[in-house]
Amino acid sequence: MKITAVKTIPLGGATHDHGWPGGTDPNVQYNTLIEVIGEDGFVGIGSCYTSRQLVEGSLALLLPHMIGECALEPERLSEKLRQSMFWFGRGGAVEHAISGIDIALWDLLGKVTNQPVARLLGGIYRDKIKPYASILFDDPPVLRDKLLQQTERGFKAIKMGWRPFGRVSRELDELLIRTARDTVGPDVELMVDAGGSEQFWPHGISWARETAKMLGDYKITWFEEALRPDDVDGFLELRQNSPVLIATGEVLSRRQAFQPFIERRALDIIQPDCTKCGGLSEARRLGWMAYDHGLMLVPHGWNTAIGVAADLALTASLPIAKWVEYQTGVPYIEDIITKPFQLDADGMLQVPTGPGLGIELDREAIKRMTVK
């Protein structure tokens, strides 16, 4: 089966606050869906965390290497695209576009073979996995309400991130963590994301080391993005001195960017985003590389329902995996598929078993959220 066309669907109008300065505009366009169409009418759907303008610009470069290619070889074709784009920059927007294409190719392969993507990725080690509700920090009373909303929905794990944590004072940081632990009790897992990929992140290893000690006192599961994204030496030192697990990786793309973190064991958890890092093909390679070095992969998932489905397939296919990220109350996740994800009584998400990614787009909802 040959590829005949590729289409883009830019999502806008319901963009969730992403924690960056000025990040509350619902019309900002960060997520773009990609449809890869095969000659026999099969369509695979993918998602990339990049604006439509950048995706379309990337497709101008990528399409000559795609049209007429076999649609049933996602790993080979994605690597061909990656190798063909070296002179246009390794990583970045072009890699984000390849990520969406790769996810769509796996979805298409699953639909053609009538198999779930998790099985095609190598096998289903587990049929459900624990999602952690992903929310932003806020002033203590508001944070408390946000946390209660998640526990009422049935989440057994919650990650809090970004402002105002790390931006005001150590005293406020500890008050936020104490408020969170007092609110949810001892049995709900809590994770903390400092947001070290924010513009001009001011903190270094000393702040991160002392903060990790404080987080350990409150039994925080992991400490994420405590340092700037590329600070391998800093993360290595932090991991060696931290009582909690250390995690990062959401802004990295291509396996080569993760390689020094993995080979030097500078982290406990790598966090590639399937909609940025190179898609499911690249994330699977990273998962096995991490496994071979005693690290764990927990996918970053601040994107769309397609991203969540891809993350569930990926984590099902890895020998050791415990969590997926789930951004709650987000229309691009909860409103654009015909059967929204549902927590079971144990706070777990079922890994989709239908063909491909196992989800179906709600086309009417997509129309409402497509930027014209």
Protein backbone atom coordinates (compact mmCIF):
# COMPACT_ATOMS: atom_id res chain seq x y z
CA MET A 1 0.00 0.00 0.00
CA LYS A 2 1.41 3.36 -1.05
CA ILE A 3 1.00 6.75 0.60
CA THR A 4 -1.13 9.04 -1.55
CA ALA A 5 -1.59 12.15 0.61
CA VAL A 6 -0.91 13.79 3.95
CA LYS A 7 -3.32 16.26 5.56
CA THR A 8 -3.05 18.54 8.60
CA ILE A 9 -5.67 19.58 11.16
CA PRO A 10 -4.61 22.55 13.33
CA LEU A 11 -6.32 22.57 16.73
CA GLY A 12 -7.23 25.90 18.29
CA GLY A 13 -9.84 27.76 20.29
CA ALA A 14 -9.56 25.50 23.35
CA THR A 15 -5.84 25.51 24.11
CA HIS A 16 -5.19 24.86 27.79
CA ASP A 17 -2.95 27.04 29.94
CA HIS A 18 0.53 25.58 29.46
CA GLY A 19 2.29 27.33 32.33
CA TRP A 20 4.56 29.57 30.27
CA PRO A 21 4.44 33.35 30.74
CA GLY A 22 1.39 34.61 28.86
CA GLY A 23 0.24 31.06 28.24
CA THR A 24 -3.50 31.44 28.81
CA ASP A 25 -4.67 32.33 25.28
CA PRO A 26 -7.10 29.57 24.17
CA ASN A 27 -6.57 30.50 20.52
CA VAL A 28 -2.84 29.84 20.43
CA GLN A 29 -2.20 26.95 18.07
CA TYR A 30 0.31 24.39 19.34
CA ASN A 31 -1.18 20.99 18.44
CA THR A 32 -1.53 19.85 14.84
CA LEU A 33 -3.07 16.53 13.86
CA ILE A 34 -1.74 14.70 10.82
CA GLU A 35 -3.59 12.25 8.58
CA VAL A 36 -1.58 9.88 6.40
CA ILE A 37 -3.75 8.46 3.62
CA GLY A 38 -3.08 5.17 1.85
CA GLU A 39 -4.13 4.28 -1.68
CA ASP A 40 -6.73 1.76 -0.47
CA GLY A 41 -8.59 4.34 1.61
CA PHE A 42 -6.99 3.58 4.97
CA VAL A 43 -6.18 6.65 7.06
CA GLY A 44 -3.76 6.84 9.97
CA ILE A 45 -3.99 9.67 12.47
CA GLY A 46 -1.05 11.26 14.30
CA SER A 47 -0.36 14.32 16.41
CA CYS A 48 2.57 16.70 16.73
CA TYR A 49 3.20 19.48 19.22
CA THR A 50 3.91 22.13 16.61
CA SER A 51 1.93 24.88 14.88
CA ARG A 52 0.39 24.22 11.50
CA GLN A 53 2.71 26.72 9.80
CA LEU A 54 5.76 24.78 10.96
CA VAL A 55 4.19 21.43 10.11
CA GLU A 56 3.24 22.60 6.62
CA GLY A 57 6.72 24.03 6.11
CA SER A 58 8.21 20.71 7.18
CA LEU A 59 5.85 18.78 4.90
CA ALA A 60 7.08 20.83 1.95
CA LEU A 61 10.43 19.17 2.61
CA LEU A 62 9.13 15.75 3.64
CA LEU A 63 6.41 14.97 1.09
CA PRO A 64 8.78 14.28 -1.83
CA HIS A 65 10.28 11.52 0.34
CA MET A 66 6.84 10.15 1.33
CA ILE A 67 4.36 10.13 -1.54
CA GLY A 68 4.41 6.74 -3.24
CA GLU A 69 6.29 5.13 -0.34
CA CYS A 70 5.04 1.99 1.39
CA ALA A 71 2.60 3.04 4.11
CA LEU A 72 3.16 -0.11 6.16
CA GLU A 73 6.76 0.41 7.28
CA PRO A 74 6.67 3.17 9.92
CA GLU A 75 10.14 2.63 11.38
CA ARG A 76 11.93 2.50 8.05
CA LEU A 77 10.05 5.44 6.56
CA SER A 78 10.42 7.64 9.64
CA GLU A 79 14.15 6.98 9.72
CA LYS A 80 14.37 7.73 6.00
CA LEU A 81 12.70 11.09 6.61
CA ARG A 82 15.01 11.82 9.54
CA GLN A 83 18.13 10.94 7.58
CA SER A 84 16.94 12.99 4.60
CA MET A 85 16.45 16.11 6.73
CA PHE A 86 19.87 16.34 8.40
CA TRP A 87 20.86 19.39 6.36
CA PHE A 88 17.72 21.25 7.51
CA GLY A 89 18.48 20.84 11.21
CA ARG A 90 18.44 17.70 13.31
CA GLY A 91 15.49 17.86 15.69
CA GLY A 92 13.15 20.81 16.16
CA ALA A 93 10.06 21.48 14.07
CA VAL A 94 10.95 19.01 11.31
CA GLU A 95 11.38 16.22 13.86
CA HIS A 96 8.07 17.20 15.47
CA ALA A 97 6.38 16.80 12.09
CA ILE A 98 8.07 13.41 11.59
CA SER A 99 6.72 12.46 15.03
CA GLY A 100 3.13 13.02 13.95
CA ILE A 101 3.71 11.21 10.68
CA ASP A 102 5.25 8.24 12.49
CA ILE A 103 2.32 7.93 14.92
CA ALA A 104 -0.08 8.08 11.96
CA LEU A 105 1.87 5.35 10.15
CA TRP A 106 1.63 3.03 13.17
CA ASP A 107 -2.10 3.74 13.42
CA LEU A 108 -2.52 3.00 9.72
CA LEU A 109 -0.51 -0.24 9.99
CA GLY A 110 -2.69 -1.34 12.88
CA LYS A 111 -5.86 -0.65 10.93
CA VAL A 112 -4.62 -2.57 7.88
CA THR A 113 -3.53 -5.58 9.95
CA ASN A 114 -6.49 -5.30 12.38
CA GLN A 115 -4.09 -5.25 15.33
CA PRO A 116 -3.55 -2.81 18.22
CA VAL A 117 -0.40 -0.70 17.96
CA ALA A 118 0.81 -2.03 21.32
CA ARG A 119 1.06 -5.53 19.85
CA LEU A 120 2.79 -4.28 16.71
CA LEU A 121 5.36 -2.46 18.83
CA GLY A 122 6.50 -5.81 20.17
CA GLY A 123 3.86 -7.23 22.49
CA ILE A 124 1.46 -6.31 25.28
CA TYR A 125 3.15 -6.60 28.67
CA ARG A 126 0.17 -5.03 30.47
CA ASP A 127 -3.41 -4.18 29.56
CA LYS A 128 -3.79 -1.15 31.82
CA ILE A 129 -1.55 1.50 33.30
CA LYS A 130 -1.78 4.20 35.94
CA PRO A 131 -2.34 7.72 34.62
CA TYR A 132 -1.22 10.68 36.65
CA ALA A 133 -3.37 13.79 36.47
CA SER A 134 -1.14 16.62 35.23
CA ILE A 135 -1.99 20.05 36.66
CA LEU A 136 -0.30 23.42 37.19
CA PHE A 137 0.67 24.72 40.61
CA ASP A 138 -1.33 27.62 42.00
CA ASP A 139 -1.78 29.53 45.24
CA PRO A 140 -2.34 27.05 48.10
CA PRO A 141 -6.18 27.40 48.37
CA VAL A 142 -6.61 27.06 44.60
CA LEU A 143 -4.13 24.20 44.46
CA ARG A 144 -6.09 22.38 47.12
CA ASP A 145 -9.28 22.67 45.05
CA LYS A 146 -7.47 21.45 41.92
CA LEU A 147 -6.13 18.43 43.76
CA LEU A 148 -9.54 17.52 45.18
CA GLN A 149 -11.01 17.67 41.68
CA GLN A 150 -8.50 15.05 40.54
CA THR A 151 -9.00 12.70 43.47
CA GLU A 152 -12.78 12.98 43.03
CA ARG A 153 -12.32 11.86 39.44
CA GLY A 154 -10.49 8.81 40.74
CA PHE A 155 -6.84 9.63 40.05
CA LYS A 156 -4.36 7.86 42.31
CA ALA A 157 -1.39 9.90 41.11
CA ILE A 158 -1.06 13.64 40.43
CA LYS A 159 1.76 15.77 39.05
CA MET A 160 1.97 19.48 39.85
CA GLY A 161 4.09 21.75 37.71
CA TRP A 162 5.51 25.15 36.94
CA ARG A 163 4.45 28.48 38.41
CA PRO A 164 4.58 29.57 41.19
CA PHE A 165 6.84 26.70 42.32
CA GLY A 166 10.50 27.75 42.18
CA ARG A 167 9.60 31.30 41.22
CA VAL A 168 8.90 33.01 44.57
CA SER A 169 10.65 31.51 47.61
CA ARG A 170 11.69 28.26 49.25
CA GLU A 171 9.07 28.91 51.91
CA LEU A 172 6.28 29.04 49.33
CA ASP A 173 7.63 25.93 47.61
CA GLU A 174 7.40 23.94 50.82
CA LEU A 175 3.97 25.37 51.64
CA LEU A 176 2.72 24.19 48.25
CA ILE A 177 4.08 20.68 48.75
CA ARG A 178 2.78 20.48 52.33
CA THR A 179 -0.64 21.67 51.14
CA ALA A 180 -0.67 19.00 48.44
CA ARG A 181 0.31 16.16 50.73
CA ASP A 182 -2.16 17.21 53.44
CA THR A 183 -4.91 17.44 50.81
CA VAL A 184 -4.51 14.07 49.12
CA GLY A 185 -3.15 12.04 52.04
CA PRO A 186 -0.40 9.43 52.02
CA ASP A 187 -1.85 7.02 49.46
CA VAL A 188 -1.93 9.26 46.37
CA GLU A 189 1.35 9.53 44.49
CA LEU A 190 2.56 13.10 44.01
CA MET A 191 5.10 14.26 41.42
CA VAL A 192 6.65 17.73 41.04
CA ASP A 193 7.65 19.42 37.77
CA ALA A 194 9.75 22.54 38.34
CA GLY A 195 9.55 23.52 34.67
CA GLY A 196 13.26 24.05 34.08
CA SER A 197 12.67 24.41 30.33
CA GLU A 198 10.93 27.75 30.93
CA GLN A 199 12.59 30.79 29.35
CA PHE A 200 15.66 31.91 31.34
CA TRP A 201 15.29 29.31 34.09
CA PRO A 202 17.24 30.85 37.00
CA HIS A 203 18.13 27.84 39.17
CA GLY A 204 21.14 25.55 39.21
CA ILE A 205 22.30 22.47 41.02
CA SER A 206 22.36 24.00 44.53
CA TRP A 207 18.68 24.96 44.39
CA ALA A 208 17.76 21.62 42.82
CA ARG A 209 19.67 19.60 45.42
CA GLU A 210 18.09 21.38 48.39
CA THR A 211 14.63 21.23 46.83
CA ALA A 212 14.98 17.50 46.21
CA LYS A 213 15.72 16.99 49.90
CA MET A 214 12.57 18.90 50.82
CA LEU A 215 10.50 16.86 48.35
CA GLY A 216 11.84 13.67 49.89
CA ASP A 217 10.42 14.71 53.25
CA TYR A 218 6.94 14.68 51.69
CA LYS A 219 7.39 11.36 49.85
CA ILE A 220 7.26 12.91 46.38
CA THR A 221 7.65 10.22 43.70
CA TRP A 222 9.83 12.17 41.25
CA PHE A 223 11.33 15.61 40.66
CA GLU A 224 11.04 16.71 37.03
CA GLU A 225 12.87 19.39 35.04
CA ALA A 226 14.77 20.70 38.02
CA LEU A 227 17.52 22.01 35.72
CA ARG A 228 17.83 23.33 32.20
CA PRO A 229 17.08 20.64 29.62
CA ASP A 230 20.62 20.00 28.37
CA ASP A 231 22.49 20.04 31.70
CA VAL A 232 23.69 16.43 31.68
CA ASP A 233 26.37 17.00 34.33
CA GLY A 234 23.92 18.83 36.58
CA PHE A 235 21.34 16.05 36.34
CA LEU A 236 24.01 13.44 37.02
CA GLU A 237 25.06 15.24 40.21
CA LEU A 238 21.45 15.78 41.25
CA ARG A 239 20.54 12.12 40.74
CA GLN A 240 23.48 11.02 42.86
CA ASN A 241 22.33 13.25 45.75
CA SER A 242 18.54 13.08 45.53
CA PRO A 243 16.23 11.06 47.79
CA VAL A 244 13.54 11.17 45.06
CA LEU A 245 13.61 9.97 41.45
CA ILE A 246 14.93 12.48 38.91
CA ALA A 247 13.22 12.93 35.54
CA THR A 248 13.45 15.08 32.41
CA GLY A 249 13.33 14.94 28.61
CA GLU A 250 10.09 16.47 27.33
CA VAL A 251 11.81 19.00 25.04
CA LEU A 252 14.42 16.63 23.62
CA SER A 253 14.03 15.10 20.15
CA ARG A 254 15.85 12.23 18.46
CA ARG A 255 17.37 9.35 20.39
CA GLN A 256 20.83 10.91 20.11
CA ALA A 257 19.75 13.79 22.38
CA PHE A 258 18.75 11.32 25.11
CA GLN A 259 21.80 9.10 24.68
CA PRO A 260 24.21 10.92 27.06
CA PHE A 261 21.54 11.06 29.80
CA ILE A 262 20.93 7.33 29.45
CA GLU A 263 24.50 6.12 29.01
CA ARG A 264 25.74 8.21 31.95
CA ARG A 265 22.70 7.28 34.05
CA ALA A 266 22.08 10.95 34.74
CA LEU A 267 18.36 10.28 35.30
CA ASP A 268 16.02 7.75 36.83
CA ILE A 269 13.24 8.51 34.32
CA ILE A 270 13.41 9.72 30.72
CA GLN A 271 10.34 11.57 29.42
CA PRO A 272 10.22 11.66 25.63
CA ASP A 273 7.06 13.11 24.10
CA CYS A 274 5.87 10.94 21.21
CA THR A 275 4.52 14.05 19.44
CA LYS A 276 7.98 15.67 19.53
CA CYS A 277 10.78 13.12 19.97
CA GLY A 278 10.37 11.26 16.68
CA GLY A 279 7.12 9.38 17.21
CA LEU A 280 6.47 5.89 18.48
CA SER A 281 9.38 4.42 16.52
CA GLU A 282 11.93 6.64 18.23
CA ALA A 283 10.22 6.39 21.63
CA ARG A 284 10.30 2.59 21.46
CA ARG A 285 14.06 2.67 20.79
CA LEU A 286 14.45 5.01 23.76
CA GLY A 287 12.36 2.76 25.97
CA TRP A 288 14.59 -0.23 25.32
CA MET A 289 17.78 1.81 25.63
CA ALA A 290 16.55 3.06 29.00
CA TYR A 291 15.58 -0.45 30.09
CA ASP A 292 19.03 -1.78 29.21
CA HIS A 293 20.61 0.91 31.43
CA GLY A 294 18.29 0.51 34.40
CA LEU A 295 16.21 3.63 33.69
CA MET A 296 12.46 3.92 33.13
CA LEU A 297 10.54 5.68 30.39
CA VAL A 298 7.48 7.72 31.37
CA PRO A 299 6.15 9.53 28.28
CA HIS A 300 5.47 13.25 28.45
CA GLY A 301 1.87 13.83 27.42
CA TRP A 302 0.83 17.50 27.35
CA ASN A 303 -0.85 17.25 23.92
CA THR A 304 -3.92 15.44 22.51
CA ALA A 305 -6.00 12.27 22.75
CA ILE A 306 -3.89 10.82 19.93
CA GLY A 307 -0.83 11.41 22.09
CA VAL A 308 -2.46 9.69 25.07
CA ALA A 309 -3.40 6.67 22.93
CA ALA A 310 0.16 6.49 21.57
CA ASP A 311 1.57 6.69 25.12
CA LEU A 312 -0.69 3.87 26.30
CA ALA A 313 0.42 1.69 23.39
CA LEU A 314 4.07 2.49 24.06
CA THR A 315 3.95 1.79 27.80
CA ALA A 316 2.03 -1.42 27.22
CA SER A 317 4.81 -2.66 24.95
CA LEU A 318 7.75 -1.99 27.31
CA PRO A 319 8.87 -4.63 29.83
CA ILE A 320 8.77 -2.16 32.74
CA ALA A 321 6.40 0.81 32.79
CA LYS A 322 4.23 2.35 35.51
CA TRP A 323 2.66 5.64 34.44
CA VAL A 324 1.33 7.81 31.62
CA GLU A 325 0.67 11.53 31.82
CA TYR A 326 -2.95 12.68 31.54
CA GLN A 327 -3.79 16.37 31.28
CA THR A 328 -7.28 16.69 32.75
CA GLY A 329 -10.13 18.88 31.59
CA VAL A 330 -8.50 19.48 28.20
CA PRO A 331 -10.84 19.42 25.16
CA TYR A 332 -8.09 18.23 22.80
CA ILE A 333 -7.84 15.12 24.96
CA GLU A 334 -11.33 14.59 26.34
CA ASP A 335 -13.62 15.95 23.60
CA ILE A 336 -12.14 14.98 20.23
CA ILE A 337 -12.66 11.20 20.37
CA THR A 338 -15.95 9.33 20.25
CA LYS A 339 -15.23 7.28 23.38
CA PRO A 340 -13.27 9.34 25.93
CA PHE A 341 -10.72 7.65 28.17
CA GLN A 342 -12.20 6.37 31.45
CA LEU A 343 -10.52 5.54 34.75
CA ASP A 344 -11.47 2.22 36.30
CA ALA A 345 -12.17 1.74 40.00
CA ASP A 346 -8.44 1.39 40.70
CA GLY A 347 -7.55 4.64 38.94
CA MET A 348 -6.12 2.85 35.90
CA LEU A 349 -6.54 3.42 32.16
CA GLN A 350 -7.21 0.49 29.85
CA VAL A 351 -4.80 0.12 26.94
CA PRO A 352 -6.90 0.35 23.74
CA THR A 353 -7.32 -3.02 22.03
CA GLY A 354 -8.97 -1.90 18.79
CA PRO A 355 -7.11 -1.73 15.48
CA GLY A 356 -4.37 0.87 15.31
CA LEU A 357 -4.39 3.32 18.20
CA GLY A 358 -7.86 2.04 19.11
CA ILE A 359 -9.55 5.44 19.09
CA GLU A 360 -11.90 7.21 16.69
CA LEU A 361 -11.98 10.95 16.13
CA ASP A 362 -15.20 12.84 16.77
CA ARG A 363 -15.29 14.69 13.46
CA GLU A 364 -17.88 17.23 14.59
CA ALA A 365 -15.77 18.16 17.62
CA ILE A 366 -12.68 18.36 15.39
CA LYS A 367 -14.52 20.77 13.09
CA ARG A 368 -15.31 23.06 16.02
CA MET A 369 -11.69 23.13 17.11
CA THR A 370 -10.02 23.40 13.71
CA VAL A 371 -8.37 26.72 13.02
CA LYS A 372 -9.67 28.13 9.75
